[in-house]
Amino acid sequence: MPIRLYRRETCSLCAIADALLCEAGVHAETLYLEDDAEWEHRYGWRIPVLQRTDTGAELDWPFDAVKLGRFLAG
């Protein structure tokens, strides 16, 4: 299932979220808020945010491996 990770380039929480995805074996399309004003407006205070592209469901920080697993199971 396609997953997007909305994040900032220099965000320590975003780096943790990315590491959780890697540990779970999940490849996510990474989108940086610095690249798009609309993403900045929508996700600026919520990052990191995961989004399932199949359902549009979103998971805001904070999340851990358990919450990530539930989110992916859908």
PDB file of N, CA and C in Angstrom:
ATOM      1  N   MET A   1       0.846  -1.168   0.000  1.00  0.00           N
ATOM      2  CA  MET A   1       0.000   0.000   0.000  1.00  0.00           C
ATOM      3  C   MET A   1       0.888   1.227   0.000  1.00  0.00           C
ATOM      4  N   PRO A   2       0.576   2.199  -0.837  1.00  0.00           N
ATOM      5  CA  PRO A   2       1.374   3.414  -0.891  1.00  0.00           C
ATOM      6  C   PRO A   2       1.170   4.291   0.347  1.00  0.00           C
ATOM      7  N   ILE A   3       2.283   4.720   0.920  1.00  0.00           N
ATOM      8  CA  ILE A   3       2.283   5.578   2.106  1.00  0.00           C
ATOM      9  C   ILE A   3       3.080   6.836   1.786  1.00  0.00           C
ATOM     10  N   ARG A   4       2.590   7.966   2.268  1.00  0.00           N
ATOM     11  CA  ARG A   4       3.328   9.228   2.181  1.00  0.00           C
ATOM     12  C   ARG A   4       3.735   9.650   3.585  1.00  0.00           C
ATOM     13  N   LEU A   5       4.923  10.209   3.683  1.00  0.00           N
ATOM     14  CA  LEU A   5       5.399  10.793   4.929  1.00  0.00           C
ATOM     15  C   LEU A   5       5.607  12.276   4.682  1.00  0.00           C
ATOM     16  N   TYR A   6       4.787  13.091   5.339  1.00  0.00           N
ATOM     17  CA  TYR A   6       4.958  14.540   5.281  1.00  0.00           C
ATOM     18  C   TYR A   6       5.875  14.930   6.427  1.00  0.00           C
ATOM     19  N   ARG A   7       6.951  15.675   6.093  1.00  0.00           N
ATOM     20  CA  ARG A   7       7.957  15.993   7.096  1.00  0.00           C
ATOM     21  C   ARG A   7       8.707  17.256   6.728  1.00  0.00           C
ATOM     22  N   ARG A   8       9.577  17.656   7.635  1.00  0.00           N
ATOM     23  CA  ARG A   8      10.518  18.747   7.372  1.00  0.00           C
ATOM     24  C   ARG A   8      11.908  18.149   7.230  1.00  0.00           C
ATOM     25  N   GLU A   9      12.751  18.855   6.524  1.00  0.00           N
ATOM     26  CA  GLU A   9      14.124  18.408   6.295  1.00  0.00           C
ATOM     27  C   GLU A   9      14.890  18.236   7.608  1.00  0.00           C
ATOM     28  N   THR A  10      14.759  19.176   8.518  1.00  0.00           N
ATOM     29  CA  THR A  10      15.548  19.163   9.755  1.00  0.00           C
ATOM     30  C   THR A  10      14.667  18.977  10.984  1.00  0.00           C
ATOM     31  N   CYS A  11      13.869  17.951  10.987  1.00  0.00           N
ATOM     32  CA  CYS A  11      12.940  17.673  12.092  1.00  0.00           C
ATOM     33  C   CYS A  11      13.340  16.360  12.753  1.00  0.00           C
ATOM     34  N   SER A  12      13.688  16.430  14.034  1.00  0.00           N
ATOM     35  CA  SER A  12      14.124  15.207  14.727  1.00  0.00           C
ATOM     36  C   SER A  12      12.979  14.206  14.898  1.00  0.00           C
ATOM     37  N   LEU A  13      11.770  14.685  15.119  1.00  0.00           N
ATOM     38  CA  LEU A  13      10.629  13.771  15.223  1.00  0.00           C
ATOM     39  C   LEU A  13      10.365  13.080  13.887  1.00  0.00           C
ATOM     40  N   CYS A  14      10.568  13.817  12.804  1.00  0.00           N
ATOM     41  CA  CYS A  14      10.388  13.247  11.469  1.00  0.00           C
ATOM     42  C   CYS A  14      11.420  12.151  11.205  1.00  0.00           C
ATOM     43  N   ALA A  15      12.632  12.360  11.685  1.00  0.00           N
ATOM     44  CA  ALA A  15      13.676  11.346  11.536  1.00  0.00           C
ATOM     45  C   ALA A  15      13.311  10.085  12.310  1.00  0.00           C
ATOM     46  N   ILE A  16      12.709  10.248  13.486  1.00  0.00           N
ATOM     47  CA  ILE A  16      12.262   9.095  14.273  1.00  0.00           C
ATOM     48  C   ILE A  16      11.157   8.350  13.532  1.00  0.00           C
ATOM     49  N   ALA A  17      10.207   9.099  12.970  1.00  0.00           N
ATOM     50  CA  ALA A  17       9.118   8.482  12.208  1.00  0.00           C
ATOM     51  C   ALA A  17       9.675   7.713  11.010  1.00  0.00           C
ATOM     52  N   ASP A  18      10.641   8.301  10.329  1.00  0.00           N
ATOM     53  CA  ASP A  18      11.259   7.639   9.185  1.00  0.00           C
ATOM     54  C   ASP A  18      11.942   6.346   9.616  1.00  0.00           C
ATOM     55  N   ALA A  19      12.602   6.381  10.761  1.00  0.00           N
ATOM     56  CA  ALA A  19      13.263   5.180  11.285  1.00  0.00           C
ATOM     57  C   ALA A  19      12.241   4.097  11.630  1.00  0.00           C
ATOM     58  N   LEU A  20      11.101   4.486  12.209  1.00  0.00           N
ATOM     59  CA  LEU A  20      10.045   3.509  12.510  1.00  0.00           C
ATOM     60  C   LEU A  20       9.545   2.838  11.231  1.00  0.00           C
ATOM     61  N   LEU A  21       9.382   3.617  10.185  1.00  0.00           N
ATOM     62  CA  LEU A  21       8.950   3.056   8.906  1.00  0.00           C
ATOM     63  C   LEU A  21       9.981   2.066   8.383  1.00  0.00           C
ATOM     64  N   CYS A  22      11.250   2.447   8.469  1.00  0.00           N
ATOM     65  CA  CYS A  22      12.321   1.552   7.996  1.00  0.00           C
ATOM     66  C   CYS A  22      12.338   0.251   8.791  1.00  0.00           C
ATOM     67  N   GLU A  23      12.195   0.354  10.114  1.00  0.00           N
ATOM     68  CA  GLU A  23      12.178  -0.840  10.961  1.00  0.00           C
ATOM     69  C   GLU A  23      11.015  -1.751  10.615  1.00  0.00           C
ATOM     70  N   ALA A  24       9.899  -1.155  10.183  1.00  0.00           N
ATOM     71  CA  ALA A  24       8.714  -1.937   9.821  1.00  0.00           C
ATOM     72  C   ALA A  24       8.796  -2.443   8.377  1.00  0.00           C
ATOM     73  N   GLY A  25       9.851  -2.066   7.669  1.00  0.00           N
ATOM     74  CA  GLY A  25       9.998  -2.490   6.281  1.00  0.00           C
ATOM     75  C   GLY A  25       9.068  -1.783   5.327  1.00  0.00           C
ATOM     76  N   VAL A  26       8.652  -0.583   5.695  1.00  0.00           N
ATOM     77  CA  VAL A  26       7.700   0.179   4.886  1.00  0.00           C
ATOM     78  C   VAL A  26       8.439   1.275   4.134  1.00  0.00           C
ATOM     79  N   HIS A  27       8.255   1.293   2.824  1.00  0.00           N
ATOM     80  CA  HIS A  27       8.808   2.377   2.016  1.00  0.00           C
ATOM     81  C   HIS A  27       7.731   3.437   1.872  1.00  0.00           C
ATOM     82  N   ALA A  28       8.072   4.670   2.216  1.00  0.00           N
ATOM     83  CA  ALA A  28       7.123   5.772   2.099  1.00  0.00           C
ATOM     84  C   ALA A  28       7.656   6.812   1.127  1.00  0.00           C
ATOM     85  N   GLU A  29       6.751   7.403   0.381  1.00  0.00           N
ATOM     86  CA  GLU A  29       7.100   8.562  -0.429  1.00  0.00           C
ATOM     87  C   GLU A  29       7.280   9.725   0.544  1.00  0.00           C
ATOM     88  N   THR A  30       8.435  10.332   0.560  1.00  0.00           N
ATOM     89  CA  THR A  30       8.717  11.419   1.492  1.00  0.00           C
ATOM     90  C   THR A  30       8.454  12.750   0.811  1.00  0.00           C
ATOM     91  N   LEU A  31       7.609  13.557   1.459  1.00  0.00           N
ATOM     92  CA  LEU A  31       7.257  14.880   0.951  1.00  0.00           C
ATOM     93  C   LEU A  31       7.670  15.916   1.988  1.00  0.00           C
ATOM     94  N   TYR A  32       8.439  16.895   1.557  1.00  0.00           N
ATOM     95  CA  TYR A  32       8.963  17.915   2.456  1.00  0.00           C
ATOM     96  C   TYR A  32       8.102  19.165   2.414  1.00  0.00           C
ATOM     97  N   LEU A  33       7.685  19.628   3.590  1.00  0.00           N
ATOM     98  CA  LEU A  33       6.819  20.797   3.669  1.00  0.00           C
ATOM     99  C   LEU A  33       7.461  22.027   3.047  1.00  0.00           C
ATOM    100  N   GLU A  34       8.779  22.095   3.070  1.00  0.00           N
ATOM    101  CA  GLU A  34       9.479  23.240   2.489  1.00  0.00           C
ATOM    102  C   GLU A  34       9.239  23.356   0.984  1.00  0.00           C
ATOM    103  N   ASP A  35       8.772  22.278   0.351  1.00  0.00           N
ATOM    104  CA  ASP A  35       8.582  22.260  -1.095  1.00  0.00           C
ATOM    105  C   ASP A  35       7.210  22.738  -1.559  1.00  0.00           C
ATOM    106  N   ASP A  36       6.259  22.920  -0.623  1.00  0.00           N
ATOM    107  CA  ASP A  36       4.898  23.245  -1.061  1.00  0.00           C
ATOM    108  C   ASP A  36       4.168  24.032   0.031  1.00  0.00           C
ATOM    109  N   ALA A  37       3.696  25.210  -0.306  1.00  0.00           N
ATOM    110  CA  ALA A  37       3.002  26.069   0.661  1.00  0.00           C
ATOM    111  C   ALA A  37       1.711  25.433   1.175  1.00  0.00           C
ATOM    112  N   GLU A  38       1.024  24.683   0.327  1.00  0.00           N
ATOM    113  CA  GLU A  38      -0.218  24.022   0.753  1.00  0.00           C
ATOM    114  C   GLU A  38       0.076  22.967   1.816  1.00  0.00           C
ATOM    115  N   TRP A  39       1.138  22.169   1.616  1.00  0.00           N
ATOM    116  CA  TRP A  39       1.519  21.173   2.624  1.00  0.00           C
ATOM    117  C   TRP A  39       1.899  21.870   3.924  1.00  0.00           C
ATOM    118  N   GLU A  40       2.617  22.971   3.817  1.00  0.00           N
ATOM    119  CA  GLU A  40       3.020  23.733   5.002  1.00  0.00           C
ATOM    120  C   GLU A  40       1.781  24.172   5.786  1.00  0.00           C
ATOM    121  N   HIS A  41       0.801  24.695   5.073  1.00  0.00           N
ATOM    122  CA  HIS A  41      -0.424  25.167   5.721  1.00  0.00           C
ATOM    123  C   HIS A  41      -1.196  24.011   6.365  1.00  0.00           C
ATOM    124  N   ARG A  42      -1.298  22.903   5.664  1.00  0.00           N
ATOM    125  CA  ARG A  42      -2.096  21.767   6.146  1.00  0.00           C
ATOM    126  C   ARG A  42      -1.412  20.975   7.255  1.00  0.00           C
ATOM    127  N   TYR A  43      -0.106  20.752   7.126  1.00  0.00           N
ATOM    128  CA  TYR A  43       0.589  19.843   8.028  1.00  0.00           C
ATOM    129  C   TYR A  43       1.603  20.518   8.957  1.00  0.00           C
ATOM    130  N   GLY A  44       1.782  21.811   8.830  1.00  0.00           N
ATOM    131  CA  GLY A  44       2.852  22.508   9.529  1.00  0.00           C
ATOM    132  C   GLY A  44       2.995  22.203  11.011  1.00  0.00           C
ATOM    133  N   TRP A  45       1.908  22.141  11.743  1.00  0.00           N
ATOM    134  CA  TRP A  45       1.950  21.880  13.186  1.00  0.00           C
ATOM    135  C   TRP A  45       1.735  20.422  13.534  1.00  0.00           C
ATOM    136  N   ARG A  46       1.463  19.597  12.546  1.00  0.00           N
ATOM    137  CA  ARG A  46       1.096  18.201  12.808  1.00  0.00           C
ATOM    138  C   ARG A  46       2.209  17.210  12.517  1.00  0.00           C
ATOM    139  N   ILE A  47       3.283  17.627  11.879  1.00  0.00           N
ATOM    140  CA  ILE A  47       4.295  16.695  11.395  1.00  0.00           C
ATOM    141  C   ILE A  47       5.023  15.986  12.522  1.00  0.00           C
ATOM    142  N   PRO A  48       5.533  14.808  12.208  1.00  0.00           N
ATOM    143  CA  PRO A  48       5.365  14.087  10.956  1.00  0.00           C
ATOM    144  C   PRO A  48       3.962  13.499  10.825  1.00  0.00           C
ATOM    145  N   VAL A  49       3.506  13.388   9.600  1.00  0.00           N
ATOM    146  CA  VAL A  49       2.187  12.835   9.310  1.00  0.00           C
ATOM    147  C   VAL A  49       2.340  11.756   8.238  1.00  0.00           C
ATOM    148  N   LEU A  50       1.731  10.611   8.497  1.00  0.00           N
ATOM    149  CA  LEU A  50       1.661   9.549   7.504  1.00  0.00           C
ATOM    150  C   LEU A  50       0.294   9.607   6.838  1.00  0.00           C
ATOM    151  N   GLN A  51       0.271   9.300   5.543  1.00  0.00           N
ATOM    152  CA  GLN A  51      -0.990   9.273   4.808  1.00  0.00           C
ATOM    153  C   GLN A  51      -1.021   8.026   3.932  1.00  0.00           C
ATOM    154  N   ARG A  52      -2.118   7.283   4.045  1.00  0.00           N
ATOM    155  CA  ARG A  52      -2.353   6.150   3.137  1.00  0.00           C
ATOM    156  C   ARG A  52      -2.975   6.713   1.870  1.00  0.00           C
ATOM    157  N   THR A  53      -2.358   6.452   0.738  1.00  0.00           N
ATOM    158  CA  THR A  53      -2.908   6.995  -0.501  1.00  0.00           C
ATOM    159  C   THR A  53      -4.105   6.208  -0.998  1.00  0.00           C
ATOM    160  N   ASP A  54      -4.293   4.993  -0.496  1.00  0.00           N
ATOM    161  CA  ASP A  54      -5.456   4.203  -0.920  1.00  0.00           C
ATOM    162  C   ASP A  54      -6.746   4.669  -0.255  1.00  0.00           C
ATOM    163  N   THR A  55      -6.662   5.102   1.004  1.00  0.00           N
ATOM    164  CA  THR A  55      -7.863   5.518   1.733  1.00  0.00           C
ATOM    165  C   THR A  55      -7.863   6.993   2.096  1.00  0.00           C
ATOM    166  N   GLY A  56      -6.691   7.630   2.060  1.00  0.00           N
ATOM    167  CA  GLY A  56      -6.582   9.019   2.487  1.00  0.00           C
ATOM    168  C   GLY A  56      -6.444   9.169   3.996  1.00  0.00           C
ATOM    169  N   ALA A  57      -6.482   8.055   4.725  1.00  0.00           N
ATOM    170  CA  ALA A  57      -6.350   8.105   6.184  1.00  0.00           C
ATOM    171  C   ALA A  57      -4.996   8.682   6.562  1.00  0.00           C
ATOM    172  N   GLU A  58      -4.975   9.428   7.674  1.00  0.00           N
ATOM    173  CA  GLU A  58      -3.746  10.053   8.133  1.00  0.00           C
ATOM    174  C   GLU A  58      -3.467   9.679   9.581  1.00  0.00           C
ATOM    175  N   LEU A  59      -2.191   9.592   9.891  1.00  0.00           N
ATOM    176  CA  LEU A  59      -1.729   9.308  11.247  1.00  0.00           C
ATOM    177  C   LEU A  59      -0.750  10.402  11.633  1.00  0.00           C
ATOM    178  N   ASP A  60      -1.151  11.214  12.625  1.00  0.00           N
ATOM    179  CA  ASP A  60      -0.302  12.297  13.116  1.00  0.00           C
ATOM    180  C   ASP A  60       0.636  11.793  14.201  1.00  0.00           C
ATOM    181  N   TRP A  61       1.734  12.501  14.373  1.00  0.00           N
ATOM    182  CA  TRP A  61       2.633  12.258  15.482  1.00  0.00           C
ATOM    183  C   TRP A  61       1.929  12.677  16.755  1.00  0.00           C
ATOM    184  N   PRO A  62       2.091  11.990  17.861  1.00  0.00           N
ATOM    185  CA  PRO A  62       3.051  10.920  18.097  1.00  0.00           C
ATOM    186  C   PRO A  62       2.478   9.544  17.751  1.00  0.00           C
ATOM    187  N   PHE A  63       3.339   8.691  17.196  1.00  0.00           N
ATOM    188  CA  PHE A  63       2.976   7.296  16.977  1.00  0.00           C
ATOM    189  C   PHE A  63       4.208   6.441  17.222  1.00  0.00           C
ATOM    190  N   ASP A  64       3.934   5.181  17.551  1.00  0.00           N
ATOM    191  CA  ASP A  64       5.002   4.216  17.802  1.00  0.00           C
ATOM    192  C   ASP A  64       4.781   3.027  16.876  1.00  0.00           C
ATOM    193  N   ALA A  65       5.560   1.974  17.080  1.00  0.00           N
ATOM    194  CA  ALA A  65       5.455   0.798  16.213  1.00  0.00           C
ATOM    195  C   ALA A  65       4.067   0.166  16.279  1.00  0.00           C
ATOM    196  N   VAL A  66       3.451   0.175  17.455  1.00  0.00           N
ATOM    197  CA  VAL A  66       2.113  -0.422  17.613  1.00  0.00           C
ATOM    198  C   VAL A  66       1.077   0.388  16.835  1.00  0.00           C
ATOM    199  N   LYS A  67       1.073   1.708  17.022  1.00  0.00           N
ATOM    200  CA  LYS A  67       0.123   2.556  16.294  1.00  0.00           C
ATOM    201  C   LYS A  67       0.377   2.493  14.789  1.00  0.00           C
ATOM    202  N   LEU A  68       1.642   2.430  14.411  1.00  0.00           N
ATOM    203  CA  LEU A  68       1.988   2.314  12.994  1.00  0.00           C
ATOM    204  C   LEU A  68       1.419   1.017  12.426  1.00  0.00           C
ATOM    205  N   GLY A  69       1.585  -0.083  13.138  1.00  0.00           N
ATOM    206  CA  GLY A  69       1.061  -1.361  12.684  1.00  0.00           C
ATOM    207  C   GLY A  69      -0.449  -1.340  12.500  1.00  0.00           C
ATOM    208  N   ARG A  70      -1.149  -0.732  13.435  1.00  0.00           N
ATOM    209  CA  ARG A  70      -2.628  -0.611  13.330  1.00  0.00           C
ATOM    210  C   ARG A  70      -3.018   0.237  12.129  1.00  0.00           C
ATOM    211  N   PHE A  71      -2.283   1.318  11.941  1.00  0.00           N
ATOM    212  CA  PHE A  71      -2.557   2.216  10.820  1.00  0.00           C
ATOM    213  C   PHE A  71      -2.360   1.483   9.486  1.00  0.00           C
ATOM    214  N   LEU A  72      -1.285   0.743   9.381  1.00  0.00           N
ATOM    215  CA  LEU A  72      -0.997   0.027   8.151  1.00  0.00           C
ATOM    216  C   LEU A  72      -2.001  -1.095   7.895  1.00  0.00           C
ATOM    217  N   ALA A  73      -2.481  -1.722   8.978  1.00  0.00           N
ATOM    218  CA  ALA A  73      -3.456  -2.810   8.844  1.00  0.00           C
ATOM    219  C   ALA A  73      -4.820  -2.268   8.401  1.00  0.00           C
ATOM    220  N   GLY A  74      -5.042  -1.015   8.720  1.00  0.00           N
ATOM    221  CA  GLY A  74      -6.176  -0.290   8.249  1.00  0.00           C
ATOM    222  C   GLY A  74      -7.527  -0.567   8.618  1.00  0.00           C
TER     223      GLY A  74
END
